[in-house]
Amino acid sequence: MNVQRGTPVPAADAEESKRRIDAGALLLDVREDDEWSAGHVAGAVWIPLREMQMRRAELPVHKEIVVVCRSGARSAKVTAALLAWGHDAVNISGGLQAWVAAGLPIVTDDDTAGEVI
């Protein structure tokens, strides 16, 4: 992913991101395996950052994509790349930490309460 540094990307807080997802946007989680296993948003699509370049064709072109990582840094890079590739994308400011701080749930693969690591 070649992305220009310092270029701001569209961002939304956790509550606005949840509204976008509820309205039909796809939630893309770009965290690593152990982070995903510890907790993720139910219904999210998971493509670790290291796989994004080779798996980008799996993402819809005509649907908004809301991107999340733990703190918002990795997801900002992916958001910028998605925009460059022609997608409509927005980063969750503060990442999954902000999501949980806003009282929004995360789960594990067995549907129990998750945690952010």
PDB file of N, CA and C in Angstrom:
ATOM      1  N   MET A   1       0.843  -1.181   0.000  1.00  0.00           N
ATOM      2  CA  MET A   1       0.000   0.000   0.000  1.00  0.00           C
ATOM      3  C   MET A   1       0.883   1.237   0.000  1.00  0.00           C
ATOM      4  N   ASN A   2       0.894   1.948  -1.079  1.00  0.00           N
ATOM      5  CA  ASN A   2       1.607   3.214  -1.132  1.00  0.00           C
ATOM      6  C   ASN A   2       0.618   4.328  -0.876  1.00  0.00           C
ATOM      7  N   VAL A   3       0.757   4.965   0.275  1.00  0.00           N
ATOM      8  CA  VAL A   3      -0.152   6.032   0.673  1.00  0.00           C
ATOM      9  C   VAL A   3       0.682   7.233   1.058  1.00  0.00           C
ATOM     10  N   GLN A   4       0.292   8.418   0.589  1.00  0.00           N
ATOM     11  CA  GLN A   4       1.025   9.620   0.946  1.00  0.00           C
ATOM     12  C   GLN A   4       0.838   9.923   2.420  1.00  0.00           C
ATOM     13  N   ARG A   5       1.940  10.213   3.069  1.00  0.00           N
ATOM     14  CA  ARG A   5       1.863  10.545   4.499  1.00  0.00           C
ATOM     15  C   ARG A   5       1.373  11.967   4.686  1.00  0.00           C
ATOM     16  N   GLY A   6       0.668  12.160   5.787  1.00  0.00           N
ATOM     17  CA  GLY A   6       0.197  13.494   6.121  1.00  0.00           C
ATOM     18  C   GLY A   6      -1.105  13.878   5.439  1.00  0.00           C
ATOM     19  N   THR A   7      -1.606  13.031   4.559  1.00  0.00           N
ATOM     20  CA  THR A   7      -2.865  13.316   3.892  1.00  0.00           C
ATOM     21  C   THR A   7      -4.012  12.925   4.822  1.00  0.00           C
ATOM     22  N   PRO A   8      -4.849  13.893   5.213  1.00  0.00           N
ATOM     23  CA  PRO A   8      -5.954  13.535   6.119  1.00  0.00           C
ATOM     24  C   PRO A   8      -6.979  12.638   5.418  1.00  0.00           C
ATOM     25  N   VAL A   9      -7.551  11.748   6.193  1.00  0.00           N
ATOM     26  CA  VAL A   9      -8.588  10.857   5.658  1.00  0.00           C
ATOM     27  C   VAL A   9      -9.901  11.164   6.362  1.00  0.00           C
ATOM     28  N   PRO A  10     -11.013  10.876   5.704  1.00  0.00           N
ATOM     29  CA  PRO A  10     -12.306  11.072   6.368  1.00  0.00           C
ATOM     30  C   PRO A  10     -12.384  10.203   7.624  1.00  0.00           C
ATOM     31  N   ALA A  11     -12.919  10.766   8.677  1.00  0.00           N
ATOM     32  CA  ALA A  11     -13.034  10.037   9.939  1.00  0.00           C
ATOM     33  C   ALA A  11     -14.386  10.332  10.574  1.00  0.00           C
ATOM     34  N   ALA A  12     -14.842   9.365  11.367  1.00  0.00           N
ATOM     35  CA  ALA A  12     -16.100   9.512  12.100  1.00  0.00           C
ATOM     36  C   ALA A  12     -15.889   8.936  13.491  1.00  0.00           C
ATOM     37  N   ASP A  13     -16.581   9.502  14.479  1.00  0.00           N
ATOM     38  CA  ASP A  13     -16.476   8.940  15.818  1.00  0.00           C
ATOM     39  C   ASP A  13     -17.242   7.624  15.875  1.00  0.00           C
ATOM     40  N   ALA A  14     -17.171   6.954  17.007  1.00  0.00           N
ATOM     41  CA  ALA A  14     -17.774   5.630  17.145  1.00  0.00           C
ATOM     42  C   ALA A  14     -19.282   5.655  16.902  1.00  0.00           C
ATOM     43  N   GLU A  15     -19.976   6.622  17.472  1.00  0.00           N
ATOM     44  CA  GLU A  15     -21.423   6.673  17.326  1.00  0.00           C
ATOM     45  C   GLU A  15     -21.834   6.903  15.876  1.00  0.00           C
ATOM     46  N   GLU A  16     -21.157   7.844  15.206  1.00  0.00           N
ATOM     47  CA  GLU A  16     -21.460   8.102  13.795  1.00  0.00           C
ATOM     48  C   GLU A  16     -21.120   6.869  12.947  1.00  0.00           C
ATOM     49  N   SER A  17     -20.034   6.210  13.265  1.00  0.00           N
ATOM     50  CA  SER A  17     -19.654   4.987  12.544  1.00  0.00           C
ATOM     51  C   SER A  17     -20.728   3.917  12.704  1.00  0.00           C
ATOM     52  N   LYS A  18     -21.244   3.770  13.913  1.00  0.00           N
ATOM     53  CA  LYS A  18     -22.316   2.791  14.171  1.00  0.00           C
ATOM     54  C   LYS A  18     -23.551   3.122  13.337  1.00  0.00           C
ATOM     55  N   ARG A  19     -23.896   4.419  13.245  1.00  0.00           N
ATOM     56  CA  ARG A  19     -25.043   4.829  12.428  1.00  0.00           C
ATOM     57  C   ARG A  19     -24.808   4.467  10.952  1.00  0.00           C
ATOM     58  N   ARG A  20     -23.597   4.670  10.471  1.00  0.00           N
ATOM     59  CA  ARG A  20     -23.274   4.353   9.075  1.00  0.00           C
ATOM     60  C   ARG A  20     -23.380   2.846   8.828  1.00  0.00           C
ATOM     61  N   ILE A  21     -22.882   2.065   9.771  1.00  0.00           N
ATOM     62  CA  ILE A  21     -22.945   0.601   9.653  1.00  0.00           C
ATOM     63  C   ILE A  21     -24.401   0.143   9.680  1.00  0.00           C
ATOM     64  N   ASP A  22     -25.175   0.694  10.603  1.00  0.00           N
ATOM     65  CA  ASP A  22     -26.604   0.346  10.689  1.00  0.00           C
ATOM     66  C   ASP A  22     -27.350   0.719   9.411  1.00  0.00           C
ATOM     67  N   ALA A  23     -26.858   1.750   8.713  1.00  0.00           N
ATOM     68  CA  ALA A  23     -27.489   2.198   7.467  1.00  0.00           C
ATOM     69  C   ALA A  23     -26.993   1.405   6.249  1.00  0.00           C
ATOM     70  N   GLY A  24     -26.072   0.457   6.474  1.00  0.00           N
ATOM     71  CA  GLY A  24     -25.655  -0.396   5.367  1.00  0.00           C
ATOM     72  C   GLY A  24     -24.188  -0.383   5.012  1.00  0.00           C
ATOM     73  N   ALA A  25     -23.389   0.455   5.661  1.00  0.00           N
ATOM     74  CA  ALA A  25     -21.948   0.454   5.374  1.00  0.00           C
ATOM     75  C   ALA A  25     -21.319  -0.853   5.857  1.00  0.00           C
ATOM     76  N   LEU A  26     -20.251  -1.254   5.211  1.00  0.00           N
ATOM     77  CA  LEU A  26     -19.501  -2.440   5.602  1.00  0.00           C
ATOM     78  C   LEU A  26     -18.460  -2.033   6.633  1.00  0.00           C
ATOM     79  N   LEU A  27     -18.345  -2.781   7.721  1.00  0.00           N
ATOM     80  CA  LEU A  27     -17.305  -2.530   8.717  1.00  0.00           C
ATOM     81  C   LEU A  27     -16.135  -3.448   8.415  1.00  0.00           C
ATOM     82  N   LEU A  28     -14.965  -2.861   8.206  1.00  0.00           N
ATOM     83  CA  LEU A  28     -13.743  -3.596   7.892  1.00  0.00           C
ATOM     84  C   LEU A  28     -12.769  -3.472   9.057  1.00  0.00           C
ATOM     85  N   ASP A  29     -12.420  -4.603   9.652  1.00  0.00           N
ATOM     86  CA  ASP A  29     -11.466  -4.658  10.763  1.00  0.00           C
ATOM     87  C   ASP A  29     -10.118  -5.082  10.194  1.00  0.00           C
ATOM     88  N   VAL A  30      -9.076  -4.284  10.430  1.00  0.00           N
ATOM     89  CA  VAL A  30      -7.758  -4.552   9.846  1.00  0.00           C
ATOM     90  C   VAL A  30      -6.716  -4.965  10.881  1.00  0.00           C
ATOM     91  N   ARG A  31      -7.178  -5.386  12.060  1.00  0.00           N
ATOM     92  CA  ARG A  31      -6.254  -5.774  13.125  1.00  0.00           C
ATOM     93  C   ARG A  31      -5.689  -7.181  12.899  1.00  0.00           C
ATOM     94  N   GLU A  32      -4.741  -7.541  13.732  1.00  0.00           N
ATOM     95  CA  GLU A  32      -4.081  -8.844  13.624  1.00  0.00           C
ATOM     96  C   GLU A  32      -4.920  -9.949  14.263  1.00  0.00           C
ATOM     97  N   ASP A  33      -4.516 -11.203  14.019  1.00  0.00           N
ATOM     98  CA  ASP A  33      -5.252 -12.386  14.466  1.00  0.00           C
ATOM     99  C   ASP A  33      -5.585 -12.370  15.956  1.00  0.00           C
ATOM    100  N   ASP A  34      -4.577 -12.104  16.795  1.00  0.00           N
ATOM    101  CA  ASP A  34      -4.805 -12.145  18.240  1.00  0.00           C
ATOM    102  C   ASP A  34      -5.753 -11.041  18.687  1.00  0.00           C
ATOM    103  N   GLU A  35      -5.685  -9.881  18.042  1.00  0.00           N
ATOM    104  CA  GLU A  35      -6.580  -8.774  18.379  1.00  0.00           C
ATOM    105  C   GLU A  35      -8.020  -9.128  17.995  1.00  0.00           C
ATOM    106  N   TRP A  36      -8.193  -9.679  16.803  1.00  0.00           N
ATOM    107  CA  TRP A  36      -9.528 -10.090  16.346  1.00  0.00           C
ATOM    108  C   TRP A  36     -10.109 -11.135  17.285  1.00  0.00           C
ATOM    109  N   SER A  37      -9.303 -12.140  17.648  1.00  0.00           N
ATOM    110  CA  SER A  37      -9.780 -13.225  18.512  1.00  0.00           C
ATOM    111  C   SER A  37     -10.213 -12.718  19.879  1.00  0.00           C
ATOM    112  N   ALA A  38      -9.539 -11.688  20.390  1.00  0.00           N
ATOM    113  CA  ALA A  38      -9.873 -11.148  21.709  1.00  0.00           C
ATOM    114  C   ALA A  38     -11.204 -10.419  21.707  1.00  0.00           C
ATOM    115  N   GLY A  39     -11.563  -9.817  20.576  1.00  0.00           N
ATOM    116  CA  GLY A  39     -12.831  -9.113  20.493  1.00  0.00           C
ATOM    117  C   GLY A  39     -12.947  -8.304  19.220  1.00  0.00           C
ATOM    118  N   HIS A  40     -14.134  -8.330  18.621  1.00  0.00           N
ATOM    119  CA  HIS A  40     -14.413  -7.589  17.394  1.00  0.00           C
ATOM    120  C   HIS A  40     -15.899  -7.242  17.347  1.00  0.00           C
ATOM    121  N   VAL A  41     -16.246  -6.362  16.447  1.00  0.00           N
ATOM    122  CA  VAL A  41     -17.649  -5.990  16.276  1.00  0.00           C
ATOM    123  C   VAL A  41     -18.340  -7.107  15.499  1.00  0.00           C
ATOM    124  N   ALA A  42     -19.456  -7.574  16.016  1.00  0.00           N
ATOM    125  CA  ALA A  42     -20.221  -8.620  15.331  1.00  0.00           C
ATOM    126  C   ALA A  42     -20.579  -8.145  13.924  1.00  0.00           C
ATOM    127  N   GLY A  43     -20.364  -9.008  12.944  1.00  0.00           N
ATOM    128  CA  GLY A  43     -20.697  -8.690  11.565  1.00  0.00           C
ATOM    129  C   GLY A  43     -19.597  -8.012  10.777  1.00  0.00           C
ATOM    130  N   ALA A  44     -18.490  -7.686  11.433  1.00  0.00           N
ATOM    131  CA  ALA A  44     -17.382  -7.039  10.729  1.00  0.00           C
ATOM    132  C   ALA A  44     -16.716  -8.009   9.762  1.00  0.00           C
ATOM    133  N   VAL A  45     -16.158  -7.465   8.692  1.00  0.00           N
ATOM    134  CA  VAL A  45     -15.315  -8.220   7.773  1.00  0.00           C
ATOM    135  C   VAL A  45     -13.888  -8.050   8.270  1.00  0.00           C
ATOM    136  N   TRP A  46     -13.156  -9.144   8.338  1.00  0.00           N
ATOM    137  CA  TRP A  46     -11.798  -9.097   8.882  1.00  0.00           C
ATOM    138  C   TRP A  46     -10.775  -9.374   7.791  1.00  0.00           C
ATOM    139  N   ILE A  47      -9.962  -8.370   7.506  1.00  0.00           N
ATOM    140  CA  ILE A  47      -8.815  -8.523   6.613  1.00  0.00           C
ATOM    141  C   ILE A  47      -7.637  -7.839   7.303  1.00  0.00           C
ATOM    142  N   PRO A  48      -6.704  -8.619   7.863  1.00  0.00           N
ATOM    143  CA  PRO A  48      -5.554  -8.002   8.535  1.00  0.00           C
ATOM    144  C   PRO A  48      -4.800  -7.062   7.587  1.00  0.00           C
ATOM    145  N   LEU A  49      -4.230  -6.023   8.145  1.00  0.00           N
ATOM    146  CA  LEU A  49      -3.501  -5.022   7.369  1.00  0.00           C
ATOM    147  C   LEU A  49      -2.502  -5.677   6.421  1.00  0.00           C
ATOM    148  N   ARG A  50      -1.781  -6.667   6.896  1.00  0.00           N
ATOM    149  CA  ARG A  50      -0.743  -7.298   6.076  1.00  0.00           C
ATOM    150  C   ARG A  50      -1.310  -7.998   4.839  1.00  0.00           C
ATOM    151  N   GLU A  51      -2.618  -8.286   4.815  1.00  0.00           N
ATOM    152  CA  GLU A  51      -3.249  -8.965   3.686  1.00  0.00           C
ATOM    153  C   GLU A  51      -4.072  -8.025   2.797  1.00  0.00           C
ATOM    154  N   MET A  52      -4.142  -6.761   3.166  1.00  0.00           N
ATOM    155  CA  MET A  52      -5.052  -5.835   2.489  1.00  0.00           C
ATOM    156  C   MET A  52      -4.767  -5.711   0.998  1.00  0.00           C
ATOM    157  N   GLN A  53      -3.533  -5.532   0.630  1.00  0.00           N
ATOM    158  CA  GLN A  53      -3.191  -5.343  -0.786  1.00  0.00           C
ATOM    159  C   GLN A  53      -3.677  -6.523  -1.629  1.00  0.00           C
ATOM    160  N   MET A  54      -3.409  -7.740  -1.178  1.00  0.00           N
ATOM    161  CA  MET A  54      -3.757  -8.908  -1.995  1.00  0.00           C
ATOM    162  C   MET A  54      -5.234  -9.277  -1.914  1.00  0.00           C
ATOM    163  N   ARG A  55      -5.953  -8.795  -0.883  1.00  0.00           N
ATOM    164  CA  ARG A  55      -7.365  -9.170  -0.728  1.00  0.00           C
ATOM    165  C   ARG A  55      -8.331  -8.023  -1.015  1.00  0.00           C
ATOM    166  N   ARG A  56      -7.825  -6.913  -1.499  1.00  0.00           N
ATOM    167  CA  ARG A  56      -8.688  -5.737  -1.694  1.00  0.00           C
ATOM    168  C   ARG A  56      -9.832  -5.992  -2.665  1.00  0.00           C
ATOM    169  N   ALA A  57      -9.683  -6.935  -3.587  1.00  0.00           N
ATOM    170  CA  ALA A  57     -10.757  -7.231  -4.533  1.00  0.00           C
ATOM    171  C   ALA A  57     -11.982  -7.840  -3.844  1.00  0.00           C
ATOM    172  N   GLU A  58     -11.830  -8.288  -2.603  1.00  0.00           N
ATOM    173  CA  GLU A  58     -12.955  -8.848  -1.847  1.00  0.00           C
ATOM    174  C   GLU A  58     -13.917  -7.764  -1.364  1.00  0.00           C
ATOM    175  N   LEU A  59     -13.488  -6.516  -1.432  1.00  0.00           N
ATOM    176  CA  LEU A  59     -14.295  -5.412  -0.886  1.00  0.00           C
ATOM    177  C   LEU A  59     -15.175  -4.787  -1.960  1.00  0.00           C
ATOM    178  N   PRO A  60     -16.388  -4.406  -1.584  1.00  0.00           N
ATOM    179  CA  PRO A  60     -17.302  -3.798  -2.558  1.00  0.00           C
ATOM    180  C   PRO A  60     -16.838  -2.403  -2.965  1.00  0.00           C
ATOM    181  N   VAL A  61     -17.029  -2.075  -4.228  1.00  0.00           N
ATOM    182  CA  VAL A  61     -16.636  -0.753  -4.723  1.00  0.00           C
ATOM    183  C   VAL A  61     -17.767   0.257  -4.533  1.00  0.00           C
ATOM    184  N   HIS A  62     -18.999  -0.197  -4.570  1.00  0.00           N
ATOM    185  CA  HIS A  62     -20.141   0.723  -4.525  1.00  0.00           C
ATOM    186  C   HIS A  62     -20.870   0.679  -3.184  1.00  0.00           C
ATOM    187  N   LYS A  63     -20.112   0.520  -2.113  1.00  0.00           N
ATOM    188  CA  LYS A  63     -20.681   0.501  -0.769  1.00  0.00           C
ATOM    189  C   LYS A  63     -19.690   1.187   0.157  1.00  0.00           C
ATOM    190  N   GLU A  64     -20.181   2.023   1.058  1.00  0.00           N
ATOM    191  CA  GLU A  64     -19.280   2.684   1.993  1.00  0.00           C
ATOM    192  C   GLU A  64     -18.610   1.649   2.896  1.00  0.00           C
ATOM    193  N   ILE A  65     -17.329   1.886   3.174  1.00  0.00           N
ATOM    194  CA  ILE A  65     -16.558   1.006   4.055  1.00  0.00           C
ATOM    195  C   ILE A  65     -16.099   1.824   5.252  1.00  0.00           C
ATOM    196  N   VAL A  66     -16.437   1.353   6.437  1.00  0.00           N
ATOM    197  CA  VAL A  66     -15.988   1.955   7.691  1.00  0.00           C
ATOM    198  C   VAL A  66     -14.844   1.077   8.185  1.00  0.00           C
ATOM    199  N   VAL A  67     -13.674   1.680   8.416  1.00  0.00           N
ATOM    200  CA  VAL A  67     -12.466   0.918   8.729  1.00  0.00           C
ATOM    201  C   VAL A  67     -12.078   1.117  10.189  1.00  0.00           C
ATOM    202  N   VAL A  68     -11.699   0.003  10.848  1.00  0.00           N
ATOM    203  CA  VAL A  68     -11.341   0.067  12.260  1.00  0.00           C
ATOM    204  C   VAL A  68     -10.092  -0.759  12.544  1.00  0.00           C
ATOM    205  N   CYS A  69      -9.296  -0.274  13.499  1.00  0.00           N
ATOM    206  CA  CYS A  69      -8.198  -1.027  14.098  1.00  0.00           C
ATOM    207  C   CYS A  69      -8.300  -0.784  15.608  1.00  0.00           C
ATOM    208  N   ARG A  70      -7.235  -0.939  16.339  1.00  0.00           N
ATOM    209  CA  ARG A  70      -7.313  -0.737  17.786  1.00  0.00           C
ATOM    210  C   ARG A  70      -7.424   0.746  18.146  1.00  0.00           C
ATOM    211  N   SER A  71      -6.555   1.584  17.542  1.00  0.00           N
ATOM    212  CA  SER A  71      -6.517   2.990  17.940  1.00  0.00           C
ATOM    213  C   SER A  71      -6.885   3.978  16.843  1.00  0.00           C
ATOM    214  N   GLY A  72      -6.948   3.514  15.618  1.00  0.00           N
ATOM    215  CA  GLY A  72      -7.274   4.396  14.503  1.00  0.00           C
ATOM    216  C   GLY A  72      -6.114   4.703  13.584  1.00  0.00           C
ATOM    217  N   ALA A  73      -4.896   4.292  13.933  1.00  0.00           N
ATOM    218  CA  ALA A  73      -3.724   4.597  13.108  1.00  0.00           C
ATOM    219  C   ALA A  73      -3.623   3.685  11.888  1.00  0.00           C
ATOM    220  N   ARG A  74      -3.656   2.381  12.096  1.00  0.00           N
ATOM    221  CA  ARG A  74      -3.587   1.450  10.963  1.00  0.00           C
ATOM    222  C   ARG A  74      -4.796   1.624  10.058  1.00  0.00           C
ATOM    223  N   SER A  75      -5.969   1.793  10.665  1.00  0.00           N
ATOM    224  CA  SER A  75      -7.175   1.943   9.856  1.00  0.00           C
ATOM    225  C   SER A  75      -7.162   3.240   9.047  1.00  0.00           C
ATOM    226  N   ALA A  76      -6.485   4.281   9.527  1.00  0.00           N
ATOM    227  CA  ALA A  76      -6.354   5.515   8.742  1.00  0.00           C
ATOM    228  C   ALA A  76      -5.539   5.247   7.482  1.00  0.00           C
ATOM    229  N   LYS A  77      -4.487   4.445   7.603  1.00  0.00           N
ATOM    230  CA  LYS A  77      -3.669   4.090   6.430  1.00  0.00           C
ATOM    231  C   LYS A  77      -4.487   3.286   5.432  1.00  0.00           C
ATOM    232  N   VAL A  78      -5.275   2.333   5.929  1.00  0.00           N
ATOM    233  CA  VAL A  78      -6.108   1.525   5.044  1.00  0.00           C
ATOM    234  C   VAL A  78      -7.191   2.388   4.407  1.00  0.00           C
ATOM    235  N   THR A  79      -7.779   3.293   5.165  1.00  0.00           N
ATOM    236  CA  THR A  79      -8.792   4.198   4.617  1.00  0.00           C
ATOM    237  C   THR A  79      -8.213   5.002   3.467  1.00  0.00           C
ATOM    238  N   ALA A  80      -7.019   5.541   3.642  1.00  0.00           N
ATOM    239  CA  ALA A  80      -6.368   6.312   2.578  1.00  0.00           C
ATOM    240  C   ALA A  80      -6.133   5.443   1.343  1.00  0.00           C
ATOM    241  N   ALA A  81      -5.700   4.213   1.553  1.00  0.00           N
ATOM    242  CA  ALA A  81      -5.468   3.307   0.426  1.00  0.00           C
ATOM    243  C   ALA A  81      -6.777   2.988  -0.283  1.00  0.00           C
ATOM    244  N   LEU A  82      -7.829   2.712   0.486  1.00  0.00           N
ATOM    245  CA  LEU A  82      -9.128   2.409  -0.113  1.00  0.00           C
ATOM    246  C   LEU A  82      -9.625   3.579  -0.960  1.00  0.00           C
ATOM    247  N   LEU A  83      -9.468   4.781  -0.461  1.00  0.00           N
ATOM    248  CA  LEU A  83      -9.870   5.967  -1.220  1.00  0.00           C
ATOM    249  C   LEU A  83      -9.081   6.051  -2.525  1.00  0.00           C
ATOM    250  N   ALA A  84      -7.783   5.797  -2.457  1.00  0.00           N
ATOM    251  CA  ALA A  84      -6.940   5.829  -3.655  1.00  0.00           C
ATOM    252  C   ALA A  84      -7.351   4.749  -4.656  1.00  0.00           C
ATOM    253  N   TRP A  85      -7.878   3.638  -4.166  1.00  0.00           N
ATOM    254  CA  TRP A  85      -8.315   2.528  -5.023  1.00  0.00           C
ATOM    255  C   TRP A  85      -9.750   2.711  -5.517  1.00  0.00           C
ATOM    256  N   GLY A  86     -10.393   3.828  -5.174  1.00  0.00           N
ATOM    257  CA  GLY A  86     -11.722   4.116  -5.694  1.00  0.00           C
ATOM    258  C   GLY A  86     -12.883   3.745  -4.792  1.00  0.00           C
ATOM    259  N   HIS A  87     -12.605   3.380  -3.554  1.00  0.00           N
ATOM    260  CA  HIS A  87     -13.664   3.040  -2.605  1.00  0.00           C
ATOM    261  C   HIS A  87     -14.132   4.283  -1.857  1.00  0.00           C
ATOM    262  N   ASP A  88     -15.324   4.215  -1.307  1.00  0.00           N
ATOM    263  CA  ASP A  88     -15.859   5.228  -0.409  1.00  0.00           C
ATOM    264  C   ASP A  88     -15.563   4.706   1.000  1.00  0.00           C
ATOM    265  N   ALA A  89     -14.641   5.343   1.708  1.00  0.00           N
ATOM    266  CA  ALA A  89     -14.199   4.810   2.999  1.00  0.00           C
ATOM    267  C   ALA A  89     -14.054   5.906   4.035  1.00  0.00           C
ATOM    268  N   VAL A  90     -14.244   5.506   5.300  1.00  0.00           N
ATOM    269  CA  VAL A  90     -14.087   6.409   6.435  1.00  0.00           C
ATOM    270  C   VAL A  90     -13.442   5.633   7.580  1.00  0.00           C
ATOM    271  N   ASN A  91     -12.571   6.302   8.307  1.00  0.00           N
ATOM    272  CA  ASN A  91     -11.868   5.716   9.444  1.00  0.00           C
ATOM    273  C   ASN A  91     -12.637   5.981  10.737  1.00  0.00           C
ATOM    274  N   ILE A  92     -12.654   5.014  11.643  1.00  0.00           N
ATOM    275  CA  ILE A  92     -13.235   5.253  12.973  1.00  0.00           C
ATOM    276  C   ILE A  92     -12.185   5.936  13.838  1.00  0.00           C
ATOM    277  N   SER A  93     -12.421   7.182  14.199  1.00  0.00           N
ATOM    278  CA  SER A  93     -11.505   7.927  15.065  1.00  0.00           C
ATOM    279  C   SER A  93     -11.357   7.207  16.405  1.00  0.00           C
ATOM    280  N   GLY A  94     -10.139   6.936  16.794  1.00  0.00           N
ATOM    281  CA  GLY A  94      -9.904   6.276  18.078  1.00  0.00           C
ATOM    282  C   GLY A  94     -10.057   4.767  18.033  1.00  0.00           C
ATOM    283  N   GLY A  95     -10.451   4.245  16.882  1.00  0.00           N
ATOM    284  CA  GLY A  95     -10.516   2.810  16.677  1.00  0.00           C
ATOM    285  C   GLY A  95     -11.474   2.073  17.603  1.00  0.00           C
ATOM    286  N   LEU A  96     -11.163   0.810  17.803  1.00  0.00           N
ATOM    287  CA  LEU A  96     -12.016  -0.047  18.638  1.00  0.00           C
ATOM    288  C   LEU A  96     -11.996   0.407  20.098  1.00  0.00           C
ATOM    289  N   GLN A  97     -10.914   1.069  20.507  1.00  0.00           N
ATOM    290  CA  GLN A  97     -10.879   1.609  21.874  1.00  0.00           C
ATOM    291  C   GLN A  97     -11.987   2.647  22.050  1.00  0.00           C
ATOM    292  N   ALA A  98     -12.177   3.507  21.055  1.00  0.00           N
ATOM    293  CA  ALA A  98     -13.242   4.516  21.124  1.00  0.00           C
ATOM    294  C   ALA A  98     -14.615   3.856  21.029  1.00  0.00           C
ATOM    295  N   TRP A  99     -14.723   2.803  20.236  1.00  0.00           N
ATOM    296  CA  TRP A  99     -15.972   2.059  20.095  1.00  0.00           C
ATOM    297  C   TRP A  99     -16.425   1.539  21.455  1.00  0.00           C
ATOM    298  N   VAL A 100     -15.523   0.880  22.162  1.00  0.00           N
ATOM    299  CA  VAL A 100     -15.836   0.317  23.481  1.00  0.00           C
ATOM    300  C   VAL A 100     -16.091   1.431  24.499  1.00  0.00           C
ATOM    301  N   ALA A 101     -15.305   2.502  24.443  1.00  0.00           N
ATOM    302  CA  ALA A 101     -15.489   3.629  25.361  1.00  0.00           C
ATOM    303  C   ALA A 101     -16.867   4.270  25.182  1.00  0.00           C
ATOM    304  N   ALA A 102     -17.428   4.169  23.964  1.00  0.00           N
ATOM    305  CA  ALA A 102     -18.757   4.717  23.694  1.00  0.00           C
ATOM    306  C   ALA A 102     -19.863   3.760  24.149  1.00  0.00           C
ATOM    307  N   GLY A 103     -19.476   2.624  24.731  1.00  0.00           N
ATOM    308  CA  GLY A 103     -20.460   1.674  25.231  1.00  0.00           C
ATOM    309  C   GLY A 103     -20.984   0.717  24.176  1.00  0.00           C
ATOM    310  N   LEU A 104     -20.311   0.656  23.042  1.00  0.00           N
ATOM    311  CA  LEU A 104     -20.738  -0.233  21.961  1.00  0.00           C
ATOM    312  C   LEU A 104     -20.088  -1.607  22.154  1.00  0.00           C
ATOM    313  N   PRO A 105     -20.796  -2.677  21.828  1.00  0.00           N
ATOM    314  CA  PRO A 105     -20.308  -4.020  22.160  1.00  0.00           C
ATOM    315  C   PRO A 105     -19.294  -4.593  21.169  1.00  0.00           C
ATOM    316  N   ILE A 106     -18.457  -5.462  21.709  1.00  0.00           N
ATOM    317  CA  ILE A 106     -17.609  -6.315  20.883  1.00  0.00           C
ATOM    318  C   ILE A 106     -17.732  -7.738  21.420  1.00  0.00           C
ATOM    319  N   VAL A 107     -17.489  -8.700  20.555  1.00  0.00           N
ATOM    320  CA  VAL A 107     -17.661 -10.104  20.907  1.00  0.00           C
ATOM    321  C   VAL A 107     -16.460 -10.928  20.445  1.00  0.00           C
ATOM    322  N   THR A 108     -16.387 -12.152  20.943  1.00  0.00           N
ATOM    323  CA  THR A 108     -15.398 -13.108  20.455  1.00  0.00           C
ATOM    324  C   THR A 108     -16.093 -14.014  19.435  1.00  0.00           C
ATOM    325  N   ASP A 109     -15.336 -14.916  18.851  1.00  0.00           N
ATOM    326  CA  ASP A 109     -15.930 -15.825  17.848  1.00  0.00           C
ATOM    327  C   ASP A 109     -17.011 -16.729  18.439  1.00  0.00           C
ATOM    328  N   ASP A 110     -16.944 -16.986  19.749  1.00  0.00           N
ATOM    329  CA  ASP A 110     -17.991 -17.813  20.364  1.00  0.00           C
ATOM    330  C   ASP A 110     -19.128 -16.965  20.939  1.00  0.00           C
ATOM    331  N   ASP A 111     -19.175 -15.694  20.518  1.00  0.00           N
ATOM    332  CA  ASP A 111     -20.263 -14.777  20.850  1.00  0.00           C
ATOM    333  C   ASP A 111     -20.313 -14.365  22.317  1.00  0.00           C
ATOM    334  N   THR A 112     -19.187 -14.471  23.037  1.00  0.00           N
ATOM    335  CA  THR A 112     -19.120 -13.941  24.387  1.00  0.00           C
ATOM    336  C   THR A 112     -18.528 -12.541  24.321  1.00  0.00           C
ATOM    337  N   ALA A 113     -18.624 -11.799  25.401  1.00  0.00           N
ATOM    338  CA  ALA A 113     -18.096 -10.429  25.439  1.00  0.00           C
ATOM    339  C   ALA A 113     -16.606 -10.435  25.153  1.00  0.00           C
ATOM    340  N   GLY A 114     -16.182  -9.509  24.290  1.00  0.00           N
ATOM    341  CA  GLY A 114     -14.776  -9.412  23.903  1.00  0.00           C
ATOM    342  C   GLY A 114     -14.069  -8.284  24.632  1.00  0.00           C
ATOM    343  N   GLU A 115     -12.775  -8.181  24.375  1.00  0.00           N
ATOM    344  CA  GLU A 115     -11.957  -7.106  24.934  1.00  0.00           C
ATOM    345  C   GLU A 115     -11.009  -6.594  23.855  1.00  0.00           C
ATOM    346  N   VAL A 116     -10.529  -5.380  24.041  1.00  0.00           N
ATOM    347  CA  VAL A 116      -9.571  -4.779  23.111  1.00  0.00           C
ATOM    348  C   VAL A 116      -8.188  -5.017  23.670  1.00  0.00           C
ATOM    349  N   ILE A 117      -7.329  -5.641  22.849  1.00  0.00           N
ATOM    350  CA  ILE A 117      -5.933  -5.833  23.271  1.00  0.00           C
ATOM    351  C   ILE A 117      -5.010  -5.104  22.315  1.00  0.00           C
TER     352      ILE A 117
END
